[in-house]
Amino acid sequence: NTHRCNLHAECLNTEGSFKCKCKQ
């Protein structure tokens, strides 16, 4: 839970980092 994704976004873990993708 150290990501900064939006409440309406999914967190996707990547090697050494993460990505955020807005939900449908």
mmCIF file of all heavy atoms, coordinates in Angstrom:
data_MODEL
# 
_entry.id   MODEL 
# 
loop_
_atom_site.group_PDB 
_atom_site.id 
_atom_site.type_symbol 
_atom_site.label_atom_id 
_atom_site.label_alt_id 
_atom_site.label_comp_id 
_atom_site.label_asym_id 
_atom_site.label_entity_id 
_atom_site.label_seq_id 
_atom_site.pdbx_PDB_ins_code 
_atom_site.Cartn_x 
_atom_site.Cartn_y 
_atom_site.Cartn_z 
_atom_site.occupancy 
_atom_site.B_iso_or_equiv 
_atom_site.pdbx_formal_charge 
_atom_site.auth_seq_id 
_atom_site.auth_comp_id 
_atom_site.auth_asym_id 
_atom_site.auth_atom_id 
_atom_site.pdbx_PDB_model_num 
ATOM 1   N N   . ASN A 1 1  ? 0.806   -1.218 0.000   1.00 0.00 ? 1  ASN A N   1 
ATOM 2   C CA  . ASN A 1 1  ? 0.000   0.000  0.000   1.00 0.00 ? 1  ASN A CA  1 
ATOM 3   C C   . ASN A 1 1  ? 0.845   1.277  0.000   1.00 0.00 ? 1  ASN A C   1 
ATOM 4   O O   . ASN A 1 1  ? 0.486   2.274  0.593   1.00 0.00 ? 1  ASN A O   1 
ATOM 5   C CB  . ASN A 1 1  ? -0.954  0.012  1.200   1.00 0.00 ? 1  ASN A CB  1 
ATOM 6   C CG  . ASN A 1 1  ? -2.407  0.106  0.718   1.00 0.00 ? 1  ASN A CG  1 
ATOM 7   O OD1 . ASN A 1 1  ? -2.661  0.386  -0.454  1.00 0.00 ? 1  ASN A OD1 1 
ATOM 8   N ND2 . ASN A 1 1  ? -3.331  -0.126 1.620   1.00 0.00 ? 1  ASN A ND2 1 
ATOM 9   N N   . THR A 1 2  ? 2.003   1.213  -0.678  1.00 0.00 ? 2  THR A N   1 
ATOM 10  C CA  . THR A 1 2  ? 2.863   2.401  -0.758  1.00 0.00 ? 2  THR A CA  1 
ATOM 11  C C   . THR A 1 2  ? 2.732   3.065  -2.125  1.00 0.00 ? 2  THR A C   1 
ATOM 12  O O   . THR A 1 2  ? 3.535   3.904  -2.488  1.00 0.00 ? 2  THR A O   1 
ATOM 13  C CB  . THR A 1 2  ? 4.337   2.014  -0.499  1.00 0.00 ? 2  THR A CB  1 
ATOM 14  O OG1 . THR A 1 2  ? 4.648   0.874  -1.300  1.00 0.00 ? 2  THR A OG1 1 
ATOM 15  C CG2 . THR A 1 2  ? 4.585   1.694  0.963   1.00 0.00 ? 2  THR A CG2 1 
ATOM 16  N N   . HIS A 1 3  ? 1.697   2.656  -2.876  1.00 0.00 ? 3  HIS A N   1 
ATOM 17  C CA  . HIS A 1 3  ? 1.463   3.293  -4.186  1.00 0.00 ? 3  HIS A CA  1 
ATOM 18  C C   . HIS A 1 3  ? 0.642   4.564  -3.980  1.00 0.00 ? 3  HIS A C   1 
ATOM 19  O O   . HIS A 1 3  ? 0.095   4.799  -2.912  1.00 0.00 ? 3  HIS A O   1 
ATOM 20  C CB  . HIS A 1 3  ? 0.742   2.312  -5.125  1.00 0.00 ? 3  HIS A CB  1 
ATOM 21  C CG  . HIS A 1 3  ? -0.613  1.904  -4.620  1.00 0.00 ? 3  HIS A CG  1 
ATOM 22  N ND1 . HIS A 1 3  ? -1.746  2.663  -4.827  1.00 0.00 ? 3  HIS A ND1 1 
ATOM 23  C CD2 . HIS A 1 3  ? -0.996  0.834  -3.871  1.00 0.00 ? 3  HIS A CD2 1 
ATOM 24  C CE1 . HIS A 1 3  ? -2.772  2.076  -4.256  1.00 0.00 ? 3  HIS A CE1 1 
ATOM 25  N NE2 . HIS A 1 3  ? -2.343  0.955  -3.662  1.00 0.00 ? 3  HIS A NE2 1 
ATOM 26  N N   . ARG A 1 4  ? 0.570   5.360  -5.038  1.00 0.00 ? 4  ARG A N   1 
ATOM 27  C CA  . ARG A 1 4  ? -0.214  6.605  -4.958  1.00 0.00 ? 4  ARG A CA  1 
ATOM 28  C C   . ARG A 1 4  ? -1.327  6.596  -6.008  1.00 0.00 ? 4  ARG A C   1 
ATOM 29  O O   . ARG A 1 4  ? -1.674  7.618  -6.574  1.00 0.00 ? 4  ARG A O   1 
ATOM 30  C CB  . ARG A 1 4  ? 0.707   7.820  -5.176  1.00 0.00 ? 4  ARG A CB  1 
ATOM 31  C CG  . ARG A 1 4  ? 1.827   7.911  -4.155  1.00 0.00 ? 4  ARG A CG  1 
ATOM 32  C CD  . ARG A 1 4  ? 2.777   9.068  -4.434  1.00 0.00 ? 4  ARG A CD  1 
ATOM 33  N NE  . ARG A 1 4  ? 3.333   9.039  -5.793  1.00 0.00 ? 4  ARG A NE  1 
ATOM 34  C CZ  . ARG A 1 4  ? 4.340   8.254  -6.173  1.00 0.00 ? 4  ARG A CZ  1 
ATOM 35  N NH1 . ARG A 1 4  ? 4.898   7.441  -5.309  1.00 0.00 ? 4  ARG A NH1 1 
ATOM 36  N NH2 . ARG A 1 4  ? 4.787   8.290  -7.409  1.00 0.00 ? 4  ARG A NH2 1 
ATOM 37  N N   . CYS A 1 5  ? -1.838  5.395  -6.292  1.00 0.00 ? 5  CYS A N   1 
ATOM 38  C CA  . CYS A 1 5  ? -2.897  5.278  -7.310  1.00 0.00 ? 5  CYS A CA  1 
ATOM 39  C C   . CYS A 1 5  ? -4.193  5.914  -6.807  1.00 0.00 ? 5  CYS A C   1 
ATOM 40  O O   . CYS A 1 5  ? -4.473  5.927  -5.609  1.00 0.00 ? 5  CYS A O   1 
ATOM 41  C CB  . CYS A 1 5  ? -3.160  3.810  -7.643  1.00 0.00 ? 5  CYS A CB  1 
ATOM 42  S SG  . CYS A 1 5  ? -1.769  2.981  -8.421  1.00 0.00 ? 5  CYS A SG  1 
ATOM 43  N N   . ASN A 1 6  ? -4.952  6.383  -7.764  1.00 0.00 ? 6  ASN A N   1 
ATOM 44  C CA  . ASN A 1 6  ? -6.260  6.975  -7.468  1.00 0.00 ? 6  ASN A CA  1 
ATOM 45  C C   . ASN A 1 6  ? -7.194  5.909  -6.906  1.00 0.00 ? 6  ASN A C   1 
ATOM 46  O O   . ASN A 1 6  ? -7.046  4.727  -7.178  1.00 0.00 ? 6  ASN A O   1 
ATOM 47  C CB  . ASN A 1 6  ? -6.838  7.556  -8.771  1.00 0.00 ? 6  ASN A CB  1 
ATOM 48  C CG  . ASN A 1 6  ? -8.076  8.404  -8.530  1.00 0.00 ? 6  ASN A CG  1 
ATOM 49  O OD1 . ASN A 1 6  ? -9.182  7.892  -8.394  1.00 0.00 ? 6  ASN A OD1 1 
ATOM 50  N ND2 . ASN A 1 6  ? -7.879  9.706  -8.488  1.00 0.00 ? 6  ASN A ND2 1 
ATOM 51  N N   . LEU A 1 7  ? -8.151  6.375  -6.136  1.00 0.00 ? 7  LEU A N   1 
ATOM 52  C CA  . LEU A 1 7  ? -9.165  5.504  -5.529  1.00 0.00 ? 7  LEU A CA  1 
ATOM 53  C C   . LEU A 1 7  ? -9.887  4.682  -6.600  1.00 0.00 ? 7  LEU A C   1 
ATOM 54  O O   . LEU A 1 7  ? -10.271 3.541  -6.376  1.00 0.00 ? 7  LEU A O   1 
ATOM 55  C CB  . LEU A 1 7  ? -10.162 6.394  -4.767  1.00 0.00 ? 7  LEU A CB  1 
ATOM 56  C CG  . LEU A 1 7  ? -11.083 5.716  -3.775  1.00 0.00 ? 7  LEU A CG  1 
ATOM 57  C CD1 . LEU A 1 7  ? -10.284 5.075  -2.640  1.00 0.00 ? 7  LEU A CD1 1 
ATOM 58  C CD2 . LEU A 1 7  ? -12.057 6.747  -3.187  1.00 0.00 ? 7  LEU A CD2 1 
ATOM 59  N N   . HIS A 1 8  ? -10.029 5.275  -7.794  1.00 0.00 ? 8  HIS A N   1 
ATOM 60  C CA  . HIS A 1 8  ? -10.739 4.609  -8.900  1.00 0.00 ? 8  HIS A CA  1 
ATOM 61  C C   . HIS A 1 8  ? -9.753  4.023  -9.901  1.00 0.00 ? 8  HIS A C   1 
ATOM 62  O O   . HIS A 1 8  ? -10.043 3.977  -11.098 1.00 0.00 ? 8  HIS A O   1 
ATOM 63  C CB  . HIS A 1 8  ? -11.676 5.604  -9.595  1.00 0.00 ? 8  HIS A CB  1 
ATOM 64  C CG  . HIS A 1 8  ? -12.660 6.235  -8.652  1.00 0.00 ? 8  HIS A CG  1 
ATOM 65  N ND1 . HIS A 1 8  ? -13.688 5.526  -8.049  1.00 0.00 ? 8  HIS A ND1 1 
ATOM 66  C CD2 . HIS A 1 8  ? -12.744 7.507  -8.179  1.00 0.00 ? 8  HIS A CD2 1 
ATOM 67  C CE1 . HIS A 1 8  ? -14.360 6.331  -7.258  1.00 0.00 ? 8  HIS A CE1 1 
ATOM 68  N NE2 . HIS A 1 8  ? -13.818 7.537  -7.303  1.00 0.00 ? 8  HIS A NE2 1 
ATOM 69  N N   . ALA A 1 9  ? -8.610  3.594  -9.402  1.00 0.00 ? 9  ALA A N   1 
ATOM 70  C CA  . ALA A 1 9  ? -7.600  2.999  -10.294 1.00 0.00 ? 9  ALA A CA  1 
ATOM 71  C C   . ALA A 1 9  ? -7.103  1.690  -9.711  1.00 0.00 ? 9  ALA A C   1 
ATOM 72  O O   . ALA A 1 9  ? -7.183  1.456  -8.513  1.00 0.00 ? 9  ALA A O   1 
ATOM 73  C CB  . ALA A 1 9  ? -6.442  3.970  -10.474 1.00 0.00 ? 9  ALA A CB  1 
ATOM 74  N N   . GLU A 1 10 ? -6.590  0.839  -10.589 1.00 0.00 ? 10 GLU A N   1 
ATOM 75  C CA  . GLU A 1 10 ? -5.983  -0.430 -10.175 1.00 0.00 ? 10 GLU A CA  1 
ATOM 76  C C   . GLU A 1 10 ? -4.480  -0.217 -10.089 1.00 0.00 ? 10 GLU A C   1 
ATOM 77  O O   . GLU A 1 10 ? -3.897  0.490  -10.900 1.00 0.00 ? 10 GLU A O   1 
ATOM 78  C CB  . GLU A 1 10 ? -6.235  -1.492 -11.248 1.00 0.00 ? 10 GLU A CB  1 
ATOM 79  C CG  . GLU A 1 10 ? -7.579  -2.144 -11.213 1.00 0.00 ? 10 GLU A CG  1 
ATOM 80  C CD  . GLU A 1 10 ? -7.680  -3.136 -12.377 1.00 0.00 ? 10 GLU A CD  1 
ATOM 81  O OE1 . GLU A 1 10 ? -7.141  -4.247 -12.239 1.00 0.00 ? 10 GLU A OE1 1 
ATOM 82  O OE2 . GLU A 1 10 ? -8.261  -2.754 -13.409 1.00 0.00 ? 10 GLU A OE2 1 
ATOM 83  N N   . CYS A 1 11 ? -3.864  -0.859 -9.103  1.00 0.00 ? 11 CYS A N   1 
ATOM 84  C CA  . CYS A 1 11 ? -2.407  -0.809 -8.977  1.00 0.00 ? 11 CYS A CA  1 
ATOM 85  C C   . CYS A 1 11 ? -1.834  -2.055 -9.622  1.00 0.00 ? 11 CYS A C   1 
ATOM 86  O O   . CYS A 1 11 ? -2.295  -3.169 -9.385  1.00 0.00 ? 11 CYS A O   1 
ATOM 87  C CB  . CYS A 1 11 ? -2.028  -0.747 -7.493  1.00 0.00 ? 11 CYS A CB  1 
ATOM 88  S SG  . CYS A 1 11 ? -0.248  -0.839 -7.217  1.00 0.00 ? 11 CYS A SG  1 
ATOM 89  N N   . LEU A 1 12 ? -0.833  -1.884 -10.485 1.00 0.00 ? 12 LEU A N   1 
ATOM 90  C CA  . LEU A 1 12 ? -0.169  -3.007 -11.146 1.00 0.00 ? 12 LEU A CA  1 
ATOM 91  C C   . LEU A 1 12 ? 1.303   -2.983 -10.750 1.00 0.00 ? 12 LEU A C   1 
ATOM 92  O O   . LEU A 1 12 ? 2.000   -2.009 -11.023 1.00 0.00 ? 12 LEU A O   1 
ATOM 93  C CB  . LEU A 1 12 ? -0.302  -2.893 -12.672 1.00 0.00 ? 12 LEU A CB  1 
ATOM 94  C CG  . LEU A 1 12 ? -1.727  -2.726 -13.222 1.00 0.00 ? 12 LEU A CG  1 
ATOM 95  C CD1 . LEU A 1 12 ? -1.701  -2.262 -14.660 1.00 0.00 ? 12 LEU A CD1 1 
ATOM 96  C CD2 . LEU A 1 12 ? -2.474  -4.046 -13.127 1.00 0.00 ? 12 LEU A CD2 1 
ATOM 97  N N   . ASN A 1 13 ? 1.767   -4.045 -10.110 1.00 0.00 ? 13 ASN A N   1 
ATOM 98  C CA  . ASN A 1 13 ? 3.169   -4.094 -9.687  1.00 0.00 ? 13 ASN A CA  1 
ATOM 99  C C   . ASN A 1 13 ? 4.074   -4.351 -10.893 1.00 0.00 ? 13 ASN A C   1 
ATOM 100 O O   . ASN A 1 13 ? 3.749   -5.125 -11.772 1.00 0.00 ? 13 ASN A O   1 
ATOM 101 C CB  . ASN A 1 13 ? 3.372   -5.197 -8.639  1.00 0.00 ? 13 ASN A CB  1 
ATOM 102 C CG  . ASN A 1 13 ? 4.777   -5.174 -8.075  1.00 0.00 ? 13 ASN A CG  1 
ATOM 103 O OD1 . ASN A 1 13 ? 5.283   -4.140 -7.661  1.00 0.00 ? 13 ASN A OD1 1 
ATOM 104 N ND2 . ASN A 1 13 ? 5.434   -6.321 -8.076  1.00 0.00 ? 13 ASN A ND2 1 
ATOM 105 N N   . THR A 1 14 ? 5.196   -3.655 -10.936 1.00 0.00 ? 14 THR A N   1 
ATOM 106 C CA  . THR A 1 14 ? 6.216   -3.893 -11.968 1.00 0.00 ? 14 THR A CA  1 
ATOM 107 C C   . THR A 1 14 ? 7.544   -4.098 -11.245 1.00 0.00 ? 14 THR A C   1 
ATOM 108 O O   . THR A 1 14 ? 7.661   -3.811 -10.058 1.00 0.00 ? 14 THR A O   1 
ATOM 109 C CB  . THR A 1 14 ? 6.340   -2.685 -12.932 1.00 0.00 ? 14 THR A CB  1 
ATOM 110 O OG1 . THR A 1 14 ? 6.794   -1.548 -12.181 1.00 0.00 ? 14 THR A OG1 1 
ATOM 111 C CG2 . THR A 1 14 ? 5.046   -2.365 -13.629 1.00 0.00 ? 14 THR A CG2 1 
ATOM 112 N N   . GLU A 1 15 ? 8.549   -4.586 -11.967 1.00 0.00 ? 15 GLU A N   1 
ATOM 113 C CA  . GLU A 1 15 ? 9.870   -4.830 -11.383 1.00 0.00 ? 15 GLU A CA  1 
ATOM 114 C C   . GLU A 1 15 ? 10.483  -3.496 -10.940 1.00 0.00 ? 15 GLU A C   1 
ATOM 115 O O   . GLU A 1 15 ? 10.777  -2.636 -11.762 1.00 0.00 ? 15 GLU A O   1 
ATOM 116 C CB  . GLU A 1 15 ? 10.764  -5.524 -12.428 1.00 0.00 ? 15 GLU A CB  1 
ATOM 117 C CG  . GLU A 1 15 ? 12.029  -6.135 -11.883 1.00 0.00 ? 15 GLU A CG  1 
ATOM 118 C CD  . GLU A 1 15 ? 11.810  -7.299 -10.912 1.00 0.00 ? 15 GLU A CD  1 
ATOM 119 O OE1 . GLU A 1 15 ? 10.803  -8.035 -11.037 1.00 0.00 ? 15 GLU A OE1 1 
ATOM 120 O OE2 . GLU A 1 15 ? 12.643  -7.448 -10.018 1.00 0.00 ? 15 GLU A OE2 1 
ATOM 121 N N   . GLY A 1 16 ? 10.612  -3.322 -9.620  1.00 0.00 ? 16 GLY A N   1 
ATOM 122 C CA  . GLY A 1 16 ? 11.225  -2.107 -9.075  1.00 0.00 ? 16 GLY A CA  1 
ATOM 123 C C   . GLY A 1 16 ? 10.291  -0.912 -8.984  1.00 0.00 ? 16 GLY A C   1 
ATOM 124 O O   . GLY A 1 16 ? 10.674  0.143  -8.504  1.00 0.00 ? 16 GLY A O   1 
ATOM 125 N N   . SER A 1 17 ? 9.042   -1.055 -9.461  1.00 0.00 ? 17 SER A N   1 
ATOM 126 C CA  . SER A 1 17 ? 8.116   0.081  -9.433  1.00 0.00 ? 17 SER A CA  1 
ATOM 127 C C   . SER A 1 17 ? 6.663   -0.414 -9.474  1.00 0.00 ? 17 SER A C   1 
ATOM 128 O O   . SER A 1 17 ? 6.374   -1.543 -9.070  1.00 0.00 ? 17 SER A O   1 
ATOM 129 C CB  . SER A 1 17 ? 8.411   1.009  -10.618 1.00 0.00 ? 17 SER A CB  1 
ATOM 130 O OG  . SER A 1 17 ? 7.659   2.200  -10.494 1.00 0.00 ? 17 SER A OG  1 
ATOM 131 N N   . PHE A 1 18 ? 5.761   0.429  -9.984  1.00 0.00 ? 18 PHE A N   1 
ATOM 132 C CA  . PHE A 1 18 ? 4.345   0.068  -10.108 1.00 0.00 ? 18 PHE A CA  1 
ATOM 133 C C   . PHE A 1 18 ? 3.695   0.980  -11.145 1.00 0.00 ? 18 PHE A C   1 
ATOM 134 O O   . PHE A 1 18 ? 4.254   2.011  -11.514 1.00 0.00 ? 18 PHE A O   1 
ATOM 135 C CB  . PHE A 1 18 ? 3.629   0.208  -8.751  1.00 0.00 ? 18 PHE A CB  1 
ATOM 136 C CG  . PHE A 1 18 ? 3.567   1.624  -8.252  1.00 0.00 ? 18 PHE A CG  1 
ATOM 137 C CD1 . PHE A 1 18 ? 2.448   2.430  -8.478  1.00 0.00 ? 18 PHE A CD1 1 
ATOM 138 C CD2 . PHE A 1 18 ? 4.630   2.176  -7.550  1.00 0.00 ? 18 PHE A CD2 1 
ATOM 139 C CE1 . PHE A 1 18 ? 2.394   3.737  -8.030  1.00 0.00 ? 18 PHE A CE1 1 
ATOM 140 C CE2 . PHE A 1 18 ? 4.587   3.489  -7.100  1.00 0.00 ? 18 PHE A CE2 1 
ATOM 141 C CZ  . PHE A 1 18 ? 3.467   4.271  -7.338  1.00 0.00 ? 18 PHE A CZ  1 
ATOM 142 N N   . LYS A 1 19 ? 2.519   0.566  -11.605 1.00 0.00 ? 19 LYS A N   1 
ATOM 143 C CA  . LYS A 1 19 ? 1.753   1.388  -12.553 1.00 0.00 ? 19 LYS A CA  1 
ATOM 144 C C   . LYS A 1 19 ? 0.336   1.506  -12.033 1.00 0.00 ? 19 LYS A C   1 
ATOM 145 O O   . LYS A 1 19 ? -0.138  0.641  -11.303 1.00 0.00 ? 19 LYS A O   1 
ATOM 146 C CB  . LYS A 1 19 ? 1.734   0.724  -13.932 1.00 0.00 ? 19 LYS A CB  1 
ATOM 147 C CG  . LYS A 1 19 ? 3.009   0.912  -14.729 1.00 0.00 ? 19 LYS A CG  1 
ATOM 148 C CD  . LYS A 1 19 ? 2.906   0.264  -16.093 1.00 0.00 ? 19 LYS A CD  1 
ATOM 149 C CE  . LYS A 1 19 ? 4.206   0.466  -16.870 1.00 0.00 ? 19 LYS A CE  1 
ATOM 150 N NZ  . LYS A 1 19 ? 4.499   -0.664 -17.742 1.00 0.00 ? 19 LYS A NZ  1 
ATOM 151 N N   . CYS A 1 20 ? -0.336  2.567  -12.408 1.00 0.00 ? 20 CYS A N   1 
ATOM 152 C CA  . CYS A 1 20 ? -1.738  2.762  -12.029 1.00 0.00 ? 20 CYS A CA  1 
ATOM 153 C C   . CYS A 1 20 ? -2.580  2.849  -13.300 1.00 0.00 ? 20 CYS A C   1 
ATOM 154 O O   . CYS A 1 20 ? -2.201  3.529  -14.249 1.00 0.00 ? 20 CYS A O   1 
ATOM 155 C CB  . CYS A 1 20 ? -1.905  4.051  -11.242 1.00 0.00 ? 20 CYS A CB  1 
ATOM 156 S SG  . CYS A 1 20 ? -0.887  4.118  -9.755  1.00 0.00 ? 20 CYS A SG  1 
ATOM 157 N N   . LYS A 1 21 ? -3.708  2.134  -13.283 1.00 0.00 ? 21 LYS A N   1 
ATOM 158 C CA  . LYS A 1 21 ? -4.591  2.143  -14.462 1.00 0.00 ? 21 LYS A CA  1 
ATOM 159 C C   . LYS A 1 21 ? -6.008  2.421  -13.989 1.00 0.00 ? 21 LYS A C   1 
ATOM 160 O O   . LYS A 1 21 ? -6.519  1.718  -13.106 1.00 0.00 ? 21 LYS A O   1 
ATOM 161 C CB  . LYS A 1 21 ? -4.494  0.777  -15.143 1.00 0.00 ? 21 LYS A CB  1 
ATOM 162 C CG  . LYS A 1 21 ? -5.196  0.700  -16.470 1.00 0.00 ? 21 LYS A CG  1 
ATOM 163 C CD  . LYS A 1 21 ? -5.067  -0.711 -17.044 1.00 0.00 ? 21 LYS A CD  1 
ATOM 164 C CE  . LYS A 1 21 ? -5.925  -0.833 -18.293 1.00 0.00 ? 21 LYS A CE  1 
ATOM 165 N NZ  . LYS A 1 21 ? -6.263  -2.229 -18.573 1.00 0.00 ? 21 LYS A NZ  1 
ATOM 166 N N   . CYS A 1 22 ? -6.618  3.457  -14.545 1.00 0.00 ? 22 CYS A N   1 
ATOM 167 C CA  . CYS A 1 22 ? -7.986  3.799  -14.146 1.00 0.00 ? 22 CYS A CA  1 
ATOM 168 C C   . CYS A 1 22 ? -8.934  2.638  -14.434 1.00 0.00 ? 22 CYS A C   1 
ATOM 169 O O   . CYS A 1 22 ? -8.823  1.963  -15.456 1.00 0.00 ? 22 CYS A O   1 
ATOM 170 C CB  . CYS A 1 22 ? -8.469  5.044  -14.899 1.00 0.00 ? 22 CYS A CB  1 
ATOM 171 S SG  . CYS A 1 22 ? -7.614  6.545  -14.365 1.00 0.00 ? 22 CYS A SG  1 
ATOM 172 N N   . LYS A 1 23 ? -9.862  2.413  -13.499 1.00 0.00 ? 23 LYS A N   1 
ATOM 173 C CA  . LYS A 1 23 ? -10.827 1.319  -13.645 1.00 0.00 ? 23 LYS A CA  1 
ATOM 174 C C   . LYS A 1 23 ? -11.807 1.628  -14.777 1.00 0.00 ? 23 LYS A C   1 
ATOM 175 O O   . LYS A 1 23 ? -11.916 2.764  -15.221 1.00 0.00 ? 23 LYS A O   1 
ATOM 176 C CB  . LYS A 1 23 ? -11.601 1.135  -12.318 1.00 0.00 ? 23 LYS A CB  1 
ATOM 177 C CG  . LYS A 1 23 ? -10.749 0.542  -11.211 1.00 0.00 ? 23 LYS A CG  1 
ATOM 178 C CD  . LYS A 1 23 ? -11.527 0.458  -9.901  1.00 0.00 ? 23 LYS A CD  1 
ATOM 179 C CE  . LYS A 1 23 ? -10.636 -0.065 -8.792  1.00 0.00 ? 23 LYS A CE  1 
ATOM 180 N NZ  . LYS A 1 23 ? -11.222 0.107  -7.477  1.00 0.00 ? 23 LYS A NZ  1 
ATOM 181 N N   . GLN A 1 24 ? -12.500 0.583  -15.195 1.00 0.00 ? 24 GLN A N   1 
ATOM 182 C CA  . GLN A 1 24 ? -13.472 0.737  -16.281 1.00 0.00 ? 24 GLN A CA  1 
ATOM 183 C C   . GLN A 1 24 ? -14.483 1.817  -15.932 1.00 0.00 ? 24 GLN A C   1 
ATOM 184 O O   . GLN A 1 24 ? -14.970 1.887  -14.800 1.00 0.00 ? 24 GLN A O   1 
ATOM 185 C CB  . GLN A 1 24 ? -14.198 -0.596 -16.520 1.00 0.00 ? 24 GLN A CB  1 
ATOM 186 C CG  . GLN A 1 24 ? -14.310 -0.908 -17.987 1.00 0.00 ? 24 GLN A CG  1 
ATOM 187 C CD  . GLN A 1 24 ? -14.809 -2.334 -18.214 1.00 0.00 ? 24 GLN A CD  1 
ATOM 188 O OE1 . GLN A 1 24 ? -14.787 -3.150 -17.316 1.00 0.00 ? 24 GLN A OE1 1 
ATOM 189 N NE2 . GLN A 1 24 ? -15.288 -2.608 -19.410 1.00 0.00 ? 24 GLN A NE2 1 
# 
